[in-house]
Amino acid sequence: MAAIKLTNVTKKYDKKTVIDDLSFEISEHSICGFLGLNGAGKTTTFKLLNGLIDSNGGEIEILGEKISSRNQSKDIKFLQDVPEFYNYMTAYEYLKFICNLNNLTDIDKKICETLELVGLAEAVNKRIGKFSRGMKQRIGIASNIISGPKILLLDEPVSALDPMGRKEVFDLLGKLRGKMTILFSTHIIDDIEKVSDQVIIIDHGKKIIDGTVSEVKNMFLTNIVEVDFINKEDAENFSVAFKDKSACVDSNTQKNSLRFKSDDMEKLQKGIFSVLNKEKITISSFNIIAPTLEEIFIMEVVK
C-alpha cells in the first residue's frame, strides 16, 4: 500500500493555480526527496497532505484513507522549514511538553531514546535558546518522531544549515530509514542523492519527473561512452589503434580516460571492444554517461 497518494490534485488561490493536476505515490517506509525551485508548490503540497488546507480538485490518500481539512490524518507529523521553540525550555522539558500534548506514556524512556537517536543525549538539560541551528533542526525532528508517526513531512529541513548541520540531519534521516515514510522538500539537488529512495521534481505545481535516482538518470542516458584505462600507455595505444577518430570527443590524461560519442551506440561499443581485444588492452571501467540530477534539473526545469 502507498503511504502517500495524490491523484489529479489541484490547488488555486484566487485565479492563480499553485498545484496543477498533481499525481504521485510514495511507498511505505521509503524516503522521498521532493525537489523544485522556490515557489514550485512544495510547501503547498505539504499543507494539503497535512490537512491544513483543502484542494480544489482531486484526491489525497494517506495509508489508504482520503484526507482533507475535516479529516486529517493522525499518522502524519509535519516540521516546517524554520521551526519555532520555547527557547527557555531545555531539550528534556520541551520533549516532555510534546509527550504530554500527545498523551504519551513512559515519557522518560521515550525522551532518552529519542535524544540518543537524534544525537542530542548530551544536551538533555541545555536550553534550546542556546542550541545551534543544526541542533534546533534535530530537536524539531525529535519532537515530531517521539510519538512514533508513520509519516514524517520535512519542509526544507537543511535550507538554513551549514555543511556540518546538513550532514547531521541527513545522517539522522538515514537512521530513520525503514522506521517511517519520510517526504522532505528541497531546492538543493545534492540533498536528494544522499538518502532518497525516490525523487519527485515539480515545477509550477506540475510533476516533471518521478522515479528512483537511478531510474531518473537512466531516463536521460546520453550517447557518450567513457573508457578508463589502467595507465597512460594503454590509453595512447588505444587511441592509435581506434580508427574512428571523429568519435573521440574528450580525453583526460590525469584519469587515463577517453570519451566517445556516436548516434549508433551499438556500433561504437562493438568497435571499442574489438580494438581492446585485438590490442590486448585492459580497462578499469566502461560507462555510458548518465547526467547528474543537477544536469537533469537544469534540462527539465531551469530552461
Protein backbone atom coordinates (compact mmCIF):
# COMPACT_ATOMS: atom_id res chain seq x y z
CA MET A 1 0.00 0.00 0.00
CA ALA A 2 1.14 3.53 -0.76
CA ALA A 3 1.80 5.67 2.28
CA ILE A 4 1.01 8.82 0.31
CA LYS A 5 -1.09 9.02 -2.85
CA LEU A 6 -2.16 12.12 -4.77
CA THR A 7 -4.50 11.79 -7.73
CA ASN A 8 -5.05 14.78 -10.04
CA VAL A 9 -4.80 17.27 -7.19
CA THR A 10 -5.27 20.97 -7.96
CA LYS A 11 -4.98 23.96 -5.64
CA LYS A 12 -5.80 27.54 -6.58
CA TYR A 13 -5.51 30.81 -4.72
CA ASP A 14 -7.97 33.18 -6.37
CA LYS A 15 -7.11 32.79 -10.07
CA LYS A 16 -3.58 31.51 -9.54
CA THR A 17 -3.05 27.75 -9.89
CA VAL A 18 -0.38 26.67 -7.41
CA ILE A 19 -0.80 22.88 -7.70
CA ASP A 20 -1.73 21.73 -11.19
CA ASP A 21 -3.20 18.22 -11.67
CA LEU A 22 -0.52 16.67 -9.45
CA SER A 23 -0.37 12.88 -9.07
CA PHE A 24 2.22 10.68 -7.36
CA GLU A 25 2.63 7.78 -4.95
CA ILE A 26 5.18 7.16 -2.21
CA SER A 27 5.71 3.67 -0.81
CA GLU A 28 5.60 2.90 2.90
CA HIS A 29 8.92 3.18 4.80
CA SER A 30 10.68 4.89 1.89
CA ILE A 31 12.46 8.24 1.80
CA CYS A 32 11.39 10.59 -0.97
CA GLY A 33 13.10 13.81 -1.97
CA PHE A 34 10.68 16.46 -3.22
CA LEU A 35 12.60 18.82 -5.49
CA GLY A 36 11.65 22.13 -7.03
CA LEU A 37 12.61 25.77 -7.26
CA ASN A 38 11.31 28.19 -4.64
CA GLY A 39 7.65 28.73 -5.47
CA ALA A 40 7.25 25.39 -7.26
CA GLY A 41 4.45 24.31 -4.89
CA LYS A 42 6.33 22.13 -2.40
CA THR A 43 5.08 23.82 0.78
CA THR A 44 1.52 23.98 -0.54
CA THR A 45 1.66 20.23 -1.22
CA PHE A 46 2.76 19.64 2.37
CA LYS A 47 -0.11 21.75 3.69
CA LEU A 48 -2.53 19.69 1.59
CA LEU A 49 -1.07 16.42 2.89
CA ASN A 50 -1.26 17.64 6.46
CA GLY A 51 -4.89 18.76 6.04
CA LEU A 52 -4.09 22.40 6.77
CA ILE A 53 -5.79 23.46 3.54
CA ASP A 54 -8.17 21.81 1.07
CA SER A 55 -7.59 21.21 -2.62
CA ASN A 56 -9.86 22.49 -5.38
CA GLY A 57 -9.94 19.08 -7.02
CA GLY A 58 -8.50 15.58 -6.96
CA GLU A 59 -7.96 13.13 -4.10
CA ILE A 60 -5.34 12.81 -1.37
CA GLU A 61 -4.91 9.49 0.43
CA ILE A 62 -2.77 8.74 3.46
CA LEU A 63 -2.32 5.00 4.06
CA GLY A 64 -5.43 4.32 2.00
CA GLU A 65 -7.65 6.88 3.74
CA LYS A 66 -8.90 10.01 1.97
CA ILE A 67 -7.96 13.14 3.89
CA SER A 68 -8.99 16.79 3.99
CA SER A 69 -9.08 19.66 6.49
CA ARG A 70 -12.12 17.97 8.07
CA ASN A 71 -10.49 14.53 8.10
CA GLN A 72 -6.83 14.98 8.91
CA SER A 73 -4.52 12.01 9.23
CA LYS A 74 -3.26 11.13 12.71
CA ASP A 75 -0.37 9.24 11.14
CA ILE A 76 1.46 12.37 9.89
CA LYS A 77 3.85 14.75 11.61
CA PHE A 78 4.98 17.93 9.84
CA LEU A 79 8.06 20.07 10.54
CA GLN A 80 8.21 23.48 8.87
CA ASP A 81 11.44 24.87 7.44
CA VAL A 82 12.20 27.19 10.40
CA PRO A 83 10.61 25.59 13.47
CA GLU A 84 9.75 27.71 16.49
CA PHE A 85 10.50 26.68 20.07
CA TYR A 86 10.12 27.84 23.65
CA ASN A 87 13.76 28.82 23.95
CA TYR A 88 13.69 28.94 27.76
CA MET A 89 12.94 25.21 27.85
CA THR A 90 15.62 22.54 27.98
CA ALA A 91 15.58 19.69 25.45
CA TYR A 92 14.08 17.43 28.13
CA GLU A 93 11.40 19.93 29.12
CA TYR A 94 10.39 20.56 25.53
CA LEU A 95 10.09 16.87 24.64
CA LYS A 96 8.14 16.25 27.88
CA PHE A 97 5.77 19.04 26.82
CA ILE A 98 5.34 17.36 23.41
CA CYS A 99 4.76 13.97 25.05
CA ASN A 100 2.05 15.43 27.26
CA LEU A 101 0.35 17.04 24.25
CA ASN A 102 0.29 13.61 22.58
CA ASN A 103 -0.89 11.79 25.73
CA LEU A 104 2.15 9.51 25.65
CA THR A 105 3.17 7.18 28.46
CA ASP A 106 6.62 6.04 29.64
CA ILE A 107 7.80 9.56 28.92
CA ASP A 108 11.31 9.46 30.43
CA LYS A 109 12.24 6.39 28.39
CA LYS A 110 10.87 7.88 25.17
CA ILE A 111 12.77 11.14 25.73
CA CYS A 112 16.07 9.39 26.42
CA GLU A 113 15.72 7.09 23.39
CA THR A 114 14.73 9.94 21.08
CA LEU A 115 17.51 12.28 22.19
CA GLU A 116 20.00 9.44 21.70
CA LEU A 117 18.65 8.80 18.21
CA VAL A 118 18.96 12.43 17.12
CA GLY A 119 22.39 12.84 18.69
CA LEU A 120 21.35 15.23 21.47
CA ALA A 121 21.67 12.99 24.51
CA GLU A 122 24.36 15.22 26.00
CA ALA A 123 22.16 18.31 25.53
CA VAL A 124 19.27 16.94 27.56
CA ASN A 125 19.47 19.76 30.12
CA LYS A 126 20.64 22.50 27.77
CA ARG A 127 18.24 25.36 26.97
CA ILE A 128 17.05 25.31 23.35
CA GLY A 129 17.81 29.03 23.04
CA LYS A 130 21.50 28.13 23.20
CA PHE A 131 21.25 25.43 20.51
CA SER A 132 22.94 25.83 17.13
CA ARG A 133 20.71 25.86 14.03
CA GLY A 134 21.56 22.22 13.37
CA MET A 135 20.71 21.22 16.93
CA LYS A 136 17.39 23.07 16.68
CA GLN A 137 16.56 21.21 13.49
CA ARG A 138 17.31 17.90 15.19
CA ILE A 139 15.26 18.72 18.30
CA GLY A 140 12.47 19.72 15.91
CA ILE A 141 12.68 16.32 14.23
CA ALA A 142 12.85 14.68 17.68
CA SER A 143 9.61 16.40 18.72
CA ASN A 144 7.92 15.01 15.63
CA ILE A 145 9.15 11.42 15.82
CA ILE A 146 8.83 10.85 19.58
CA SER A 147 5.17 9.83 19.16
CA GLY A 148 6.08 7.25 16.51
CA PRO A 149 4.31 8.65 13.42
CA LYS A 150 4.03 6.55 10.29
CA ILE A 151 4.77 9.52 8.00
CA LEU A 152 7.16 12.43 8.54
CA LEU A 153 6.99 15.55 6.36
CA LEU A 154 10.02 17.86 6.42
CA ASP A 155 9.81 21.19 4.61
CA GLU A 156 13.32 22.33 3.55
CA PRO A 157 14.94 20.69 6.62
CA VAL A 158 18.51 21.82 5.84
CA SER A 159 17.97 25.09 3.98
CA ALA A 160 19.44 27.29 6.73
CA LEU A 161 22.19 24.94 7.91
CA ASP A 162 25.94 24.93 7.43
CA PRO A 163 27.62 21.83 5.89
CA MET A 164 28.08 20.12 9.27
CA GLY A 165 24.47 20.77 10.26
CA ARG A 166 23.28 19.42 6.91
CA LYS A 167 25.33 16.26 7.38
CA GLU A 168 23.91 15.71 10.86
CA VAL A 169 20.34 15.97 9.60
CA PHE A 170 20.91 13.59 6.69
CA ASP A 171 22.72 11.13 8.95
CA LEU A 172 19.60 11.23 11.13
CA LEU A 173 17.29 10.61 8.16
CA GLY A 174 19.44 7.59 7.32
CA LYS A 175 18.87 6.25 10.85
CA LEU A 176 15.11 6.68 10.40
CA ARG A 177 15.07 4.66 7.16
CA GLY A 178 12.59 1.82 7.41
CA LYS A 179 11.01 3.16 10.60
CA MET A 180 8.61 5.53 8.83
CA THR A 181 7.85 7.11 5.47
CA ILE A 182 9.75 10.37 5.00
CA LEU A 183 8.99 13.07 2.45
CA PHE A 184 11.36 16.02 2.53
CA SER A 185 11.35 19.03 0.25
CA THR A 186 14.44 20.82 -1.01
CA HIS A 187 15.72 23.03 -3.80
CA ILE A 188 19.27 21.75 -3.24
CA ILE A 189 19.84 18.92 -5.70
CA ASP A 190 22.74 17.24 -3.91
CA ASP A 191 20.43 16.58 -0.95
CA ILE A 192 18.35 14.12 -2.97
CA GLU A 193 21.12 11.63 -3.68
CA LYS A 194 22.23 11.42 -0.04
CA VAL A 195 19.31 9.39 1.32
CA SER A 196 16.42 9.27 -1.17
CA ASP A 197 14.80 6.10 -2.47
CA GLN A 198 12.59 8.21 -4.73
CA VAL A 199 12.81 11.65 -6.27
CA ILE A 200 9.88 13.79 -7.42
CA ILE A 201 10.57 17.02 -9.27
CA ILE A 202 7.82 19.61 -9.66
CA ASP A 203 7.69 22.97 -11.41
CA HIS A 204 4.84 25.48 -11.20
CA GLY A 205 2.77 22.84 -9.41
CA LYS A 206 3.21 20.22 -12.14
CA LYS A 207 5.07 16.94 -11.79
CA ILE A 208 8.05 16.89 -14.14
CA ILE A 209 9.89 13.72 -13.07
CA ASP A 210 9.14 10.81 -10.71
CA GLY A 211 11.26 7.72 -10.02
CA THR A 212 14.26 6.36 -8.17
CA VAL A 213 17.51 8.29 -8.57
CA SER A 214 18.88 5.60 -10.92
CA GLU A 215 15.63 5.46 -12.91
CA VAL A 216 15.64 9.23 -13.36
CA LYS A 217 19.25 9.20 -14.51
CA ASN A 218 18.54 6.33 -16.91
CA MET A 219 15.76 8.39 -18.49
CA PHE A 220 18.44 10.79 -19.66
CA LEU A 221 21.26 8.45 -20.65
CA THR A 222 23.47 10.11 -23.23
CA ASN A 223 25.11 8.73 -26.36
CA ILE A 224 28.52 9.20 -24.75
CA VAL A 225 30.76 6.37 -23.57
CA GLU A 226 33.68 6.86 -21.16
CA VAL A 227 36.51 4.32 -21.08
CA ASP A 228 39.01 4.38 -18.21
CA PHE A 229 42.36 2.73 -18.88
CA ILE A 230 44.81 1.21 -16.41
CA ASN A 231 47.60 3.57 -17.45
CA LYS A 232 48.52 6.35 -19.86
CA GLU A 233 50.31 3.98 -22.25
CA ASP A 234 47.21 1.84 -22.76
CA ALA A 235 45.11 4.95 -23.44
CA GLU A 236 47.62 6.16 -26.04
CA ASN A 237 47.86 2.72 -27.71
CA PHE A 238 44.09 2.51 -27.92
CA SER A 239 43.88 6.00 -29.46
CA VAL A 240 46.31 4.99 -32.18
CA ALA A 241 44.51 1.70 -32.96
CA PHE A 242 40.94 3.04 -32.87
CA LYS A 243 40.06 4.06 -36.43
CA ASP A 244 37.00 6.27 -35.89
CA LYS A 245 38.91 9.36 -34.71
CA SER A 246 35.85 11.60 -35.00
CA ALA A 247 34.05 9.59 -32.31
CA CYS A 248 36.58 10.57 -29.64
CA VAL A 249 35.26 13.76 -28.10
CA ASP A 250 37.34 14.16 -24.94
CA SER A 251 40.36 12.84 -23.09
CA ASN A 252 41.53 13.14 -19.50
CA THR A 253 45.23 12.45 -19.07
CA GLN A 254 45.00 12.51 -15.27
CA LYS A 255 42.33 9.78 -15.23
CA ASN A 256 43.73 7.98 -18.32
CA SER A 257 40.25 8.10 -19.80
CA LEU A 258 38.72 8.70 -23.22
CA ARG A 259 35.17 9.71 -24.14
CA PHE A 260 33.43 8.68 -27.34
CA LYS A 261 30.16 9.89 -28.85
CA SER A 262 28.05 8.28 -31.56
CA ASP A 263 24.44 8.14 -32.72
CA ASP A 264 24.96 4.39 -33.25
CA MET A 265 25.82 3.19 -29.75
CA GLU A 266 25.85 -0.50 -30.68
CA LYS A 267 28.38 0.07 -33.47
CA LEU A 268 30.51 2.28 -31.21
CA GLN A 269 30.64 -0.26 -28.40
CA LYS A 270 31.46 -3.12 -30.76
CA GLY A 271 34.27 -1.05 -32.28
CA ILE A 272 35.73 -0.21 -28.86
CA PHE A 273 35.73 -3.81 -27.61
CA SER A 274 37.12 -5.07 -30.91
CA VAL A 275 40.19 -2.85 -30.51
CA LEU A 276 40.56 -3.72 -26.82
CA ASN A 277 40.52 -7.43 -27.67
CA LYS A 278 42.87 -7.13 -30.65
CA GLU A 279 45.44 -4.97 -28.83
CA LYS A 280 45.10 -6.95 -25.55
CA ILE A 281 44.33 -3.75 -23.63
CA THR A 282 42.76 -3.99 -20.17
CA ILE A 283 40.45 -1.24 -18.94
CA SER A 284 39.36 -0.31 -15.42
CA SER A 285 35.84 0.81 -16.34
CA PHE A 286 33.42 1.28 -19.25
CA ASN A 287 30.42 3.54 -18.69
CA ILE A 288 27.59 5.04 -20.67
CA ILE A 289 27.45 8.56 -19.25
CA ALA A 290 24.35 9.48 -17.27
CA PRO A 291 23.83 13.12 -16.34
CA THR A 292 23.78 14.20 -12.71
CA LEU A 293 20.49 15.12 -11.07
CA GLU A 294 21.65 18.73 -11.26
CA GLU A 295 22.09 18.47 -15.05
CA ILE A 296 18.67 16.83 -15.38
CA PHE A 297 17.10 19.52 -13.20
CA ILE A 298 18.62 22.23 -15.38
CA MET A 299 17.46 20.49 -18.56
CA GLU A 300 13.88 19.96 -17.37
CA VAL A 301 13.19 22.92 -15.07
CA VAL A 302 15.74 25.71 -15.45
CA LYS A 303 15.25 26.16 -19.17
